[in-house]
Each structure stands twice: as structure tokens, then as C-alpha cells.
N, C-alpha and C. Protein backbone atom coordinates (compact mmCIF):
# COMPACT_ATOMS: atom_id res chain seq x y z
N MET A 1 114.53 98.48 110.55
CA MET A 1 114.60 99.89 111.55
C MET A 1 112.83 100.51 111.53
N ILE A 2 112.94 101.02 112.82
CA ILE A 2 111.07 100.98 112.77
C ILE A 2 111.26 102.92 113.03
N ASN A 3 109.98 102.88 112.68
CA ASN A 3 110.24 104.32 112.68
C ASN A 3 108.36 104.24 113.24
N ALA A 4 107.75 105.43 114.38
CA ALA A 4 106.84 105.35 114.44
C ALA A 4 106.01 106.07 114.47
N LYS A 5 105.14 106.77 113.88
CA LYS A 5 104.39 107.82 113.60
C LYS A 5 103.27 107.98 114.42
N SER A 6 102.46 109.13 113.96
CA SER A 6 100.95 108.52 114.60
C SER A 6 100.40 109.64 114.03
N THR A 7 100.76 109.91 112.66
CA THR A 7 99.78 110.67 112.11
C THR A 7 98.73 110.13 111.60
N PRO A 8 97.05 110.60 111.73
CA PRO A 8 95.99 109.27 110.69
C PRO A 8 95.83 110.01 109.42
N ARG A 9 95.32 109.13 109.42
CA ARG A 9 95.30 108.97 107.61
C ARG A 9 93.79 108.75 107.11
N LYS A 10 93.50 109.45 106.40
CA LYS A 10 92.23 109.78 105.45
C LYS A 10 91.58 107.87 105.71
N THR A 11 92.33 107.00 105.53
CA THR A 11 91.91 105.20 105.08
C THR A 11 91.95 104.67 106.88
N GLY A 12 91.56 106.14 107.48
CA GLY A 12 91.15 105.09 109.18
C GLY A 12 92.78 105.09 109.79
N LEU A 13 93.23 104.55 109.49
CA LEU A 13 95.24 104.27 109.65
C LEU A 13 95.57 104.50 110.20
N ARG A 14 96.50 104.71 111.27
CA ARG A 14 97.55 105.68 111.45
C ARG A 14 99.06 104.21 110.65
N GLN A 15 100.39 104.79 110.61
CA GLN A 15 101.61 104.35 110.27
C GLN A 15 102.13 104.18 112.02
N LYS A 16 102.59 102.79 112.57
CA LYS A 16 102.80 102.43 113.77
C LYS A 16 104.01 102.51 113.41
N ALA A 17 104.82 102.34 112.69
CA ALA A 17 106.09 101.17 112.62
C ALA A 17 106.20 101.18 110.28
N GLN A 18 107.53 101.42 110.35
CA GLN A 18 108.20 101.05 108.91
C GLN A 18 108.90 100.08 109.37
N LEU A 19 108.92 97.99 108.22
CA LEU A 19 108.98 97.31 109.00
C LEU A 19 110.22 97.50 107.84
N MET A 20 109.82 97.36 106.81
CA MET A 20 111.33 97.47 105.60
C MET A 20 111.46 98.88 105.20
N SER A 21 112.60 98.95 104.44
CA SER A 21 112.82 100.00 103.60
C SER A 21 113.20 99.39 102.22
N ALA A 22 113.55 100.73 101.70
CA ALA A 22 113.44 100.55 99.95
C ALA A 22 114.37 99.43 99.75
N SER A 23 115.80 99.57 100.58
CA SER A 23 117.30 98.48 100.14
C SER A 23 116.58 97.79 101.24
N GLU A 24 116.03 97.26 102.10
CA GLU A 24 115.49 95.85 102.71
C GLU A 24 114.46 95.25 102.21
N ILE A 25 113.40 95.81 100.83
CA ILE A 25 112.82 94.64 100.64
C ILE A 25 113.85 94.17 99.31
N GLU A 26 114.90 94.67 98.47
CA GLU A 26 115.35 95.05 97.65
C GLU A 26 116.16 93.28 98.45
N ARG A 27 117.11 93.74 98.99
CA ARG A 27 117.59 92.73 99.40
C ARG A 27 116.91 91.21 99.83
N THR A 28 116.06 90.95 100.52
CA THR A 28 115.04 89.91 100.75
C THR A 28 114.59 89.85 99.38
N LEU A 29 113.80 90.30 98.14
CA LEU A 29 113.88 89.83 96.71
C LEU A 29 115.34 89.86 96.34
N VAL A 30 116.40 89.33 96.50
CA VAL A 30 117.08 88.41 95.97
C VAL A 30 117.39 87.36 96.56
N ARG A 31 117.15 87.54 98.32
CA ARG A 31 117.41 85.72 98.78
C ARG A 31 115.96 85.15 98.44
N LEU A 32 114.80 85.83 98.56
CA LEU A 32 114.04 84.85 97.77
C LEU A 32 113.88 84.40 96.56
N ALA A 33 115.17 85.53 95.38
CA ALA A 33 115.15 84.32 94.61
C ALA A 33 116.18 83.64 94.34
N TYR A 34 117.23 83.99 95.07
CA TYR A 34 117.97 82.23 95.16
C TYR A 34 117.48 81.12 95.89
N GLU A 35 116.69 81.13 96.78
CA GLU A 35 116.13 80.63 97.45
C GLU A 35 114.45 79.84 96.16
N ILE A 36 115.00 80.26 95.21
CA ILE A 36 113.13 80.41 94.55
C ILE A 36 113.91 79.06 93.21
N VAL A 37 115.15 79.94 92.20
CA VAL A 37 115.97 79.07 91.66
C VAL A 37 117.20 77.39 93.00
N GLU A 38 117.03 77.51 94.02
CA GLU A 38 117.61 76.50 94.58
C GLU A 38 116.54 75.54 94.76
N LYS A 39 115.28 75.96 95.15
CA LYS A 39 114.24 74.80 95.36
C LYS A 39 113.51 74.17 94.53
N ASN A 40 113.93 74.67 93.29
CA ASN A 40 113.88 74.09 92.20
C ASN A 40 114.48 73.93 91.19
N GLY A 41 115.42 73.73 91.69
CA GLY A 41 116.73 73.03 90.38
C GLY A 41 116.97 73.17 90.05
N GLY A 42 116.61 74.90 89.47
CA GLY A 42 117.17 75.60 88.27
C GLY A 42 116.27 76.68 87.82
N ILE A 43 115.94 76.75 86.89
CA ILE A 43 115.08 77.26 86.01
C ILE A 43 114.27 77.14 84.97
N ASP A 44 114.44 75.83 84.75
CA ASP A 44 114.31 74.25 83.44
C ASP A 44 112.65 74.45 84.85
N SER A 45 111.40 74.36 83.38
CA SER A 45 110.08 74.59 83.10
C SER A 45 110.05 75.72 84.66
N LEU A 46 109.93 76.53 84.88
CA LEU A 46 110.25 77.15 86.26
C LEU A 46 109.52 79.08 85.48
N GLY A 47 108.28 78.93 85.91
CA GLY A 47 107.09 79.93 85.72
C GLY A 47 106.46 80.91 86.53
N LEU A 48 107.30 82.17 86.81
CA LEU A 48 106.97 83.70 88.14
C LEU A 48 104.95 83.98 87.58
N VAL A 49 104.54 83.41 89.01
CA VAL A 49 102.50 84.28 87.95
C VAL A 49 102.18 85.08 88.99
N GLY A 50 102.88 86.04 88.96
CA GLY A 50 102.27 87.73 89.91
C GLY A 50 100.38 87.83 90.19
N ILE A 51 100.30 88.02 91.35
CA ILE A 51 98.48 87.75 92.04
C ILE A 51 98.78 89.03 91.32
N ARG A 52 97.89 90.30 90.49
CA ARG A 52 97.47 91.71 91.09
C ARG A 52 96.97 91.48 92.45
N ARG A 53 98.01 93.58 92.87
CA ARG A 53 98.33 94.18 91.90
C ARG A 53 99.50 94.54 92.87
N ARG A 54 100.30 93.88 94.27
CA ARG A 54 100.84 94.37 94.12
C ARG A 54 102.48 92.88 94.19
N GLY A 55 101.41 91.83 93.81
CA GLY A 55 102.37 90.45 93.67
C GLY A 55 102.87 89.92 92.45
N VAL A 56 101.96 91.28 91.89
CA VAL A 56 103.33 91.72 89.90
C VAL A 56 104.21 92.10 89.92
N PRO A 57 104.51 93.06 90.49
CA PRO A 57 105.48 94.06 90.22
C PRO A 57 106.73 93.19 91.16
N ILE A 58 107.12 92.78 91.72
CA ILE A 58 107.62 91.38 92.91
C ILE A 58 108.07 90.36 92.34
N ALA A 59 106.93 89.68 91.34
CA ALA A 59 107.75 89.04 90.20
C ALA A 59 108.16 89.12 89.65
N GLU A 60 107.36 90.37 89.12
CA GLU A 60 108.83 90.95 87.91
C GLU A 60 109.70 91.28 87.77
N ARG A 61 109.98 91.38 89.90
CA ARG A 61 111.63 92.09 89.98
C ARG A 61 111.87 90.80 90.25
N LEU A 62 111.26 89.91 90.95
CA LEU A 62 111.77 88.32 91.28
C LEU A 62 112.58 87.89 89.65
N GLY A 63 112.00 88.63 88.59
CA GLY A 63 112.48 86.83 87.21
C GLY A 63 113.34 87.99 86.38
N LYS A 64 113.46 89.21 86.98
CA LYS A 64 114.60 90.22 86.78
C LYS A 64 115.99 89.42 86.99
N ILE A 65 116.14 89.10 88.30
CA ILE A 65 117.69 88.90 89.61
C ILE A 65 117.58 87.89 89.21
N ILE A 66 116.59 86.78 89.35
CA ILE A 66 116.75 85.35 88.12
C ILE A 66 117.41 84.84 87.66
N THR A 67 117.12 85.99 86.92
CA THR A 67 117.63 85.31 85.00
C THR A 67 118.81 86.41 85.58
N ARG A 68 119.27 87.28 86.31
CA ARG A 68 120.88 87.89 86.37
C ARG A 68 121.30 86.21 87.11
N ILE A 69 120.95 85.86 87.20
CA ILE A 69 121.56 84.98 88.38
C ILE A 69 121.41 83.68 87.49
N GLU A 70 121.52 83.37 87.13
CA GLU A 70 121.19 81.93 85.99
C GLU A 70 121.69 82.16 84.59
N ASN A 71 121.30 83.64 84.36
CA ASN A 71 121.64 84.04 82.92
C ASN A 71 121.05 83.41 81.80
N ALA A 72 119.32 83.42 82.33
CA ALA A 72 118.47 82.82 81.24
C ALA A 72 117.27 83.44 81.68
N GLU A 73 116.66 84.24 80.43
CA GLU A 73 114.87 84.01 81.50
C GLU A 73 113.54 83.30 81.51
N VAL A 74 113.27 83.82 83.16
CA VAL A 74 112.13 82.57 83.54
C VAL A 74 111.51 83.49 82.77
N PRO A 75 109.75 82.60 82.48
CA PRO A 75 108.49 83.93 82.15
C PRO A 75 108.14 83.69 83.03
N VAL A 76 107.37 85.14 83.50
CA VAL A 76 106.46 86.22 84.28
C VAL A 76 105.22 86.10 84.06
N GLY A 77 104.25 86.27 84.50
CA GLY A 77 102.87 86.17 84.28
C GLY A 77 102.17 87.21 85.32
N THR A 78 100.96 87.20 85.12
CA THR A 78 100.21 88.01 85.95
C THR A 78 98.32 87.73 86.50
N LEU A 79 98.25 87.53 86.90
CA LEU A 79 96.69 87.07 87.17
C LEU A 79 95.61 87.84 87.99
N ASP A 80 94.53 87.71 87.67
CA ASP A 80 93.88 89.10 88.33
C ASP A 80 92.57 88.30 88.89
N ILE A 81 92.53 87.89 90.66
CA ILE A 81 91.84 87.17 90.38
C ILE A 81 90.18 87.79 91.57
N THR A 82 89.57 89.12 91.03
CA THR A 82 89.15 89.50 90.64
C THR A 82 87.78 88.03 91.27
N PHE A 83 87.59 88.07 90.24
CA PHE A 83 85.98 87.36 90.65
C PHE A 83 86.06 86.14 90.41
N TYR A 84 87.02 85.23 91.32
CA TYR A 84 87.44 84.24 92.67
C TYR A 84 87.45 84.29 93.61
N ARG A 85 87.25 85.67 93.98
CA ARG A 85 86.67 85.79 95.47
C ARG A 85 85.77 85.59 95.78
N ASP A 86 85.97 84.75 97.14
CA ASP A 86 84.97 83.87 97.80
C ASP A 86 83.92 85.37 98.75
N ASP A 87 85.04 86.11 99.16
CA ASP A 87 84.52 87.65 99.91
C ASP A 87 83.77 88.49 99.35
N LEU A 88 83.86 88.93 98.13
CA LEU A 88 83.14 90.00 97.68
C LEU A 88 81.61 89.70 96.57
N SER A 89 80.15 90.64 98.14
CA SER A 89 79.87 90.70 98.09
C SER A 89 78.98 90.53 96.37
N THR A 90 79.82 90.82 95.49
CA THR A 90 79.00 91.30 94.04
C THR A 90 79.83 90.39 93.39
N LEU A 91 79.75 88.88 93.88
CA LEU A 91 81.20 87.96 92.79
C LEU A 91 78.74 87.71 92.01
N GLY A 92 79.01 87.49 90.47
CA GLY A 92 78.60 86.63 89.47
C GLY A 92 78.83 85.49 88.76
N PRO A 93 78.78 84.73 88.02
CA PRO A 93 79.28 83.52 87.63
C PRO A 93 80.66 83.84 87.27
N LYS A 94 81.37 82.95 87.30
CA LYS A 94 83.24 83.17 87.29
C LYS A 94 83.43 82.94 85.90
N PRO A 95 84.60 84.13 84.93
CA PRO A 95 84.95 84.23 84.09
C PRO A 95 85.71 83.44 83.60
N VAL A 96 85.05 83.48 81.87
CA VAL A 96 85.98 82.75 81.29
C VAL A 96 87.72 83.24 81.12
N VAL A 97 88.79 83.31 81.30
CA VAL A 97 89.91 83.54 82.09
C VAL A 97 91.16 82.79 80.69
N GLN A 98 91.45 84.16 79.83
CA GLN A 98 92.34 83.86 78.32
C GLN A 98 93.22 83.79 78.84
N ASP A 99 94.16 83.51 78.24
CA ASP A 99 95.05 82.67 78.00
C ASP A 99 96.22 83.78 77.84
N LYS A 100 95.90 85.75 77.35
CA LYS A 100 97.50 86.04 77.33
C LYS A 100 97.36 86.70 78.47
N GLU A 101 96.42 86.23 79.71
CA GLU A 101 96.31 87.33 81.64
C GLU A 101 97.73 86.35 81.48
N ILE A 102 97.93 85.47 81.71
CA ILE A 102 98.57 85.41 82.00
C ILE A 102 100.49 84.95 80.97
N GLY A 103 100.65 84.92 80.75
CA GLY A 103 101.08 85.06 79.06
C GLY A 103 102.38 84.28 78.33
N PHE A 104 102.40 82.78 79.19
CA PHE A 104 102.86 81.59 78.77
C PHE A 104 101.96 80.34 79.77
N SER A 105 102.63 79.68 79.06
CA SER A 105 101.98 78.20 79.50
C SER A 105 101.97 77.56 80.19
N ILE A 106 101.06 77.57 81.29
CA ILE A 106 101.64 76.92 82.58
C ILE A 106 101.66 75.19 83.20
N GLU A 107 101.52 74.73 81.67
CA GLU A 107 101.53 73.35 81.71
C GLU A 107 102.17 72.45 82.22
N ASP A 108 102.28 71.42 83.16
CA ASP A 108 104.08 71.31 83.62
C ASP A 108 104.67 72.21 83.74
N LYS A 109 104.26 73.15 84.38
CA LYS A 109 105.11 74.04 84.87
C LYS A 109 105.16 73.91 86.36
N ASN A 110 106.25 73.69 87.26
CA ASN A 110 106.18 74.68 87.85
C ASN A 110 106.06 76.19 88.99
N ILE A 111 105.31 76.14 88.47
CA ILE A 111 104.46 77.63 89.29
C ILE A 111 104.76 78.07 90.20
N VAL A 112 105.26 79.97 90.81
CA VAL A 112 105.34 80.30 91.69
C VAL A 112 104.21 81.70 91.65
N LEU A 113 103.60 81.09 92.53
CA LEU A 113 102.66 82.80 92.73
C LEU A 113 103.26 83.56 93.51
N VAL A 114 103.48 84.23 93.40
CA VAL A 114 103.88 85.55 94.28
C VAL A 114 102.85 86.83 94.27
N ASP A 115 102.71 86.42 95.73
CA ASP A 115 101.86 88.08 96.21
C ASP A 115 102.80 88.48 97.45
N ASP A 116 102.13 90.04 98.09
CA ASP A 116 102.84 90.60 98.55
C ASP A 116 102.57 90.48 99.75
N VAL A 117 102.02 89.81 100.35
CA VAL A 117 100.87 90.06 102.30
C VAL A 117 99.81 88.74 102.05
N LEU A 118 100.33 87.51 103.46
CA LEU A 118 99.52 86.87 102.65
C LEU A 118 98.99 86.51 105.45
N PHE A 119 97.87 86.58 104.62
CA PHE A 119 97.22 87.28 105.83
C PHE A 119 95.44 86.03 105.38
N THR A 120 94.63 86.06 105.73
CA THR A 120 93.51 84.83 105.35
C THR A 120 93.95 83.86 105.14
N GLY A 121 94.49 83.70 103.00
CA GLY A 121 94.84 82.47 102.86
C GLY A 121 93.80 82.70 101.32
N ARG A 122 92.59 83.32 101.71
CA ARG A 122 91.92 83.45 100.56
C ARG A 122 92.10 84.23 99.32
N THR A 123 92.69 84.43 99.13
CA THR A 123 93.58 85.25 98.34
C THR A 123 94.78 84.50 97.23
N THR A 124 94.89 83.65 98.29
CA THR A 124 95.68 82.36 97.66
C THR A 124 94.86 81.09 96.95
N ARG A 125 93.99 80.61 97.41
CA ARG A 125 92.35 80.55 97.25
C ARG A 125 92.04 80.80 96.09
N ALA A 126 92.02 81.75 96.01
CA ALA A 126 90.61 82.41 94.85
C ALA A 126 91.83 82.15 93.77
N ALA A 127 93.36 82.42 93.54
CA ALA A 127 95.08 82.43 92.96
C ALA A 127 94.35 80.90 92.43
N LEU A 128 94.13 79.83 92.99
CA LEU A 128 94.58 78.74 92.63
C LEU A 128 94.10 78.32 92.34
N ASP A 129 92.57 78.78 91.90
CA ASP A 129 91.47 78.62 90.72
C ASP A 129 91.41 79.11 89.80
N ALA A 130 91.54 80.65 89.70
CA ALA A 130 92.64 81.18 88.68
C ALA A 130 93.45 80.32 87.66
N LEU A 131 94.56 80.60 88.31
CA LEU A 131 95.80 79.60 87.82
C LEU A 131 94.60 78.79 87.17
N PHE A 132 94.02 77.92 88.34
CA PHE A 132 94.38 76.39 87.49
C PHE A 132 93.08 76.07 86.19
N SER A 133 92.95 77.05 86.15
CA SER A 133 91.24 77.62 85.20
C SER A 133 91.91 78.07 83.84
N HIS A 134 93.34 77.95 84.00
CA HIS A 134 94.05 77.55 82.74
C HIS A 134 95.66 76.80 82.24
N GLY A 135 95.32 75.26 83.23
CA GLY A 135 95.88 74.70 82.54
C GLY A 135 95.95 73.59 84.08
N ARG A 136 97.24 73.04 83.54
CA ARG A 136 97.54 71.83 84.88
C ARG A 136 98.48 71.54 85.14
N PRO A 137 99.64 72.78 86.44
CA PRO A 137 100.58 72.59 86.48
C PRO A 137 100.85 71.93 87.36
N ARG A 138 102.75 71.49 86.76
CA ARG A 138 103.40 70.26 88.10
C ARG A 138 103.48 70.92 89.67
N ARG A 139 103.57 71.09 89.77
CA ARG A 139 103.67 72.23 91.58
C ARG A 139 103.60 73.87 91.19
N VAL A 140 102.74 73.66 92.11
CA VAL A 140 102.28 75.08 91.87
C VAL A 140 103.23 76.32 94.30
N GLN A 141 103.69 76.92 93.92
CA GLN A 141 104.52 77.36 95.21
C GLN A 141 103.65 78.55 95.37
N LEU A 142 104.14 79.07 96.52
CA LEU A 142 103.14 80.57 96.81
C LEU A 142 104.96 80.84 97.91
N CYS A 143 104.76 82.63 96.99
CA CYS A 143 105.90 83.09 97.23
C CYS A 143 105.67 84.71 98.20
N VAL A 144 106.07 84.82 99.51
CA VAL A 144 105.27 86.07 100.19
C VAL A 144 106.52 86.56 100.25
N LEU A 145 106.04 88.55 100.18
CA LEU A 145 107.10 89.28 101.24
C LEU A 145 107.07 89.24 102.28
N ILE A 146 105.72 89.71 102.69
CA ILE A 146 104.99 89.48 104.81
C ILE A 146 104.12 88.52 104.26
N ASP A 147 104.25 87.41 105.67
CA ASP A 147 103.38 86.67 106.17
C ASP A 147 102.76 86.86 108.21
N ARG A 148 102.44 87.08 108.01
CA ARG A 148 101.49 87.74 109.16
C ARG A 148 100.15 87.20 109.95
N GLY A 149 100.56 85.44 108.66
CA GLY A 149 99.44 84.82 109.95
C GLY A 149 97.72 85.31 110.50
N HIS A 150 97.46 84.93 110.58
CA HIS A 150 95.88 84.16 111.21
C HIS A 150 95.17 83.90 109.95
N ARG A 151 95.43 83.11 110.01
CA ARG A 151 95.56 82.13 108.76
C ARG A 151 93.52 81.66 108.61
N GLU A 152 93.08 81.88 107.70
CA GLU A 152 91.09 81.44 107.65
C GLU A 152 91.73 80.03 107.48
N LEU A 153 92.57 79.71 105.94
CA LEU A 153 92.70 78.93 105.52
C LEU A 153 93.97 78.14 105.65
N PRO A 154 93.93 76.33 104.85
CA PRO A 154 95.36 76.04 105.43
C PRO A 154 96.11 76.10 104.12
N VAL A 155 96.83 77.49 104.30
CA VAL A 155 97.02 78.11 102.78
C VAL A 155 98.98 78.43 104.07
N GLU A 156 100.18 77.55 103.64
CA GLU A 156 100.86 77.84 103.87
C GLU A 156 102.27 78.35 102.47
N ALA A 157 103.25 78.80 102.76
CA ALA A 157 104.23 79.65 102.24
C ALA A 157 105.12 79.02 101.60
N SER A 158 105.71 78.85 100.59
CA SER A 158 106.88 77.90 100.30
C SER A 158 108.46 79.14 100.60
N PHE A 159 108.11 80.64 100.10
CA PHE A 159 108.54 81.21 100.17
C PHE A 159 108.62 82.67 100.91
N VAL A 160 108.98 83.18 102.19
CA VAL A 160 108.24 83.81 103.03
C VAL A 160 109.76 85.21 103.54
N GLY A 161 109.79 86.20 102.77
CA GLY A 161 110.39 87.03 102.22
C GLY A 161 110.96 87.72 103.91
N ARG A 162 109.24 88.25 104.74
CA ARG A 162 109.75 88.46 106.47
C ARG A 162 108.09 87.84 107.31
N ASN A 163 108.65 86.60 108.39
CA ASN A 163 107.17 86.82 109.15
C ASN A 163 107.18 88.17 110.08
N ILE A 164 106.56 88.59 109.86
CA ILE A 164 105.69 89.25 110.64
C ILE A 164 104.46 89.32 111.84
N GLN A 165 104.38 89.23 113.20
CA GLN A 165 102.73 88.76 114.07
C GLN A 165 102.64 89.90 114.19
N THR A 166 101.25 89.92 113.21
CA THR A 166 100.35 91.30 113.99
C THR A 166 99.05 90.69 114.27
N THR A 167 98.42 92.07 115.19
CA THR A 167 96.85 91.66 115.76
C THR A 167 96.60 92.09 114.33
N MET A 168 95.17 91.33 115.20
CA MET A 168 93.98 92.02 114.45
C MET A 168 93.61 93.30 113.67
N ASN A 169 93.76 94.14 114.00
CA ASN A 169 93.36 95.41 114.28
C ASN A 169 94.28 96.02 114.08
N GLU A 170 95.95 95.36 113.16
CA GLU A 170 97.36 95.97 112.59
C GLU A 170 96.68 96.03 111.16
N VAL A 171 97.17 96.62 109.68
CA VAL A 171 96.99 96.56 108.53
C VAL A 171 98.92 96.95 108.60
N ILE A 172 99.36 95.50 107.34
CA ILE A 172 100.59 95.52 106.49
C ILE A 172 100.18 96.56 105.17
N GLU A 173 101.27 97.61 104.99
CA GLU A 173 100.27 97.72 103.82
C GLU A 173 101.96 97.64 103.09
N VAL A 174 102.24 97.40 102.21
CA VAL A 174 103.11 97.17 101.13
C VAL A 174 103.51 98.77 100.09
N LYS A 175 104.23 99.40 100.09
CA LYS A 175 104.25 100.45 98.71
C LYS A 175 105.59 99.59 97.57
N LEU A 176 105.03 100.50 96.70
CA LEU A 176 106.20 99.58 95.82
C LEU A 176 106.41 100.99 94.84
N THR A 177 106.93 101.48 94.25
CA THR A 177 108.05 102.28 93.25
C THR A 177 106.85 101.95 91.86
N GLU A 178 106.50 100.91 91.66
CA GLU A 178 105.56 101.01 89.83
C GLU A 178 103.81 101.49 90.34
N ILE A 179 103.49 101.21 91.95
CA ILE A 179 102.19 101.28 91.65
C ILE A 179 101.31 102.32 92.59
N ASP A 180 102.63 102.76 93.58
CA ASP A 180 102.12 103.09 94.77
C ASP A 180 103.40 104.82 94.63
N ASP A 181 104.59 105.08 94.09
CA ASP A 181 105.34 106.02 93.60
C ASP A 181 106.60 105.81 95.13
N ALA A 182 106.07 104.80 96.32
CA ALA A 182 107.03 105.13 97.37
C ALA A 182 107.43 103.13 97.35
N GLU A 183 108.74 102.97 98.08
CA GLU A 183 109.25 101.77 98.98
C GLU A 183 109.55 101.16 99.94
N LYS A 184 108.72 101.02 100.36
CA LYS A 184 108.44 100.97 101.64
C LYS A 184 107.91 99.63 102.29
N VAL A 185 107.81 99.09 103.06
CA VAL A 185 106.33 98.18 103.78
C VAL A 185 106.54 98.91 105.55
N LEU A 186 105.24 99.33 105.35
CA LEU A 186 104.45 99.79 107.22
C LEU A 186 103.66 98.61 107.98
N LEU A 187 103.54 99.06 108.62
CA LEU A 187 102.53 98.70 109.86
C LEU A 187 101.73 99.80 110.73
N MET A 188 100.16 99.30 109.90
CA MET A 188 98.98 100.53 110.25
C MET A 188 98.32 99.75 111.32
N GLU A 189 98.16 100.86 111.87
CA GLU A 189 96.89 100.62 113.44
C GLU A 189 95.68 101.12 112.36
N ARG A 190 94.61 100.79 113.23
CA ARG A 190 93.03 100.67 113.25
C ARG A 190 93.22 102.29 114.04
């Protein structure tokens, strides 16, 4: 369902189309949860880690769906990669990341990093740096709601909700109730 609007916004972006509704996001997350369980042969040694900001509620939702599927809880943690980004001008020395940030041991676990949009791959690279400061997982997989292409680094998601081809003038905005009080995915244009 695509609704085009041309209302300019404060950000200098205008809405070009709605790519996903709340129900489409939910169905996509259910599918992704089943794929994660299937590809990992169940949930033994499985952990989900959401990349702050919108990867966190997506990981939490996936964790709840997987718990319903498997009738057992899968650990869900949070990763803040701000100080690991290589494209921020205010970078100082790398911080010491505390174990409480993720909330569970990643040692020898199959970790699924969760983010909302995969674009250049830089967020994922930073997340891997931050993740490995916590220990050595058995395997790391990437799960994204939207893959919009335009990679600058050799990064590929293991689990993709939807592939959306975009131009460099377009931006994908994921709106989640937990953060934005809205539930939709929008295609915006500069």
C-alpha cells in the first residue's frame, strides 16, 4: 500500500510513499522470527542484540515472537554504537563498554544483531566492533527490517524484512510506537 504525500517537513524531507503499515511490519517480524529460529536450529545458544535506537524495539519484538513460537525465552540485549562510528567528527578514544549494556553473556552464542535499516554498512561495522568488546560469540548474523542498498562496506544481512531500492536522494524512515508514537515505514525524498 503506497500513499504519496507532498507535505514538506522541518527536516527538509517530504514523504514520497508509505512502504509498510503497522500490520505489514508485524507480519514481517513474525516471518523474520520464524526464519531466525529455523536458520539457527532452534533457540539454544541464541541471543538477540538490538542496535540503539530503533533496532532495540525490533529486537524486543522479535524476542517476544520467538518466545511464543518456542515456548522459551531468548535473551535480548541492547548495543549503543555511538562511540564506535567512524563517520562522526567528534570521535574520541573508544569507550570501555560495560557488560550490563547487552545484559547477557555473548560468549559462544549465536548472536543476531538487529537494526531497522541497512544502508552503507557503517552502522553494522561499528556494531561489530562494539559487540566484540563484550566477548567472542560463536556466530554473528544481521537482521534488518529494511535493506535499501548503496553499501560502502562488504556487509550483507542474513535476515531481511524487505529490500527497497532507493536513490541517494531518498531516505527510509522507520517509525515505531515505542519511540515515535507511530507505526509505519516511509520513503522520504530530499
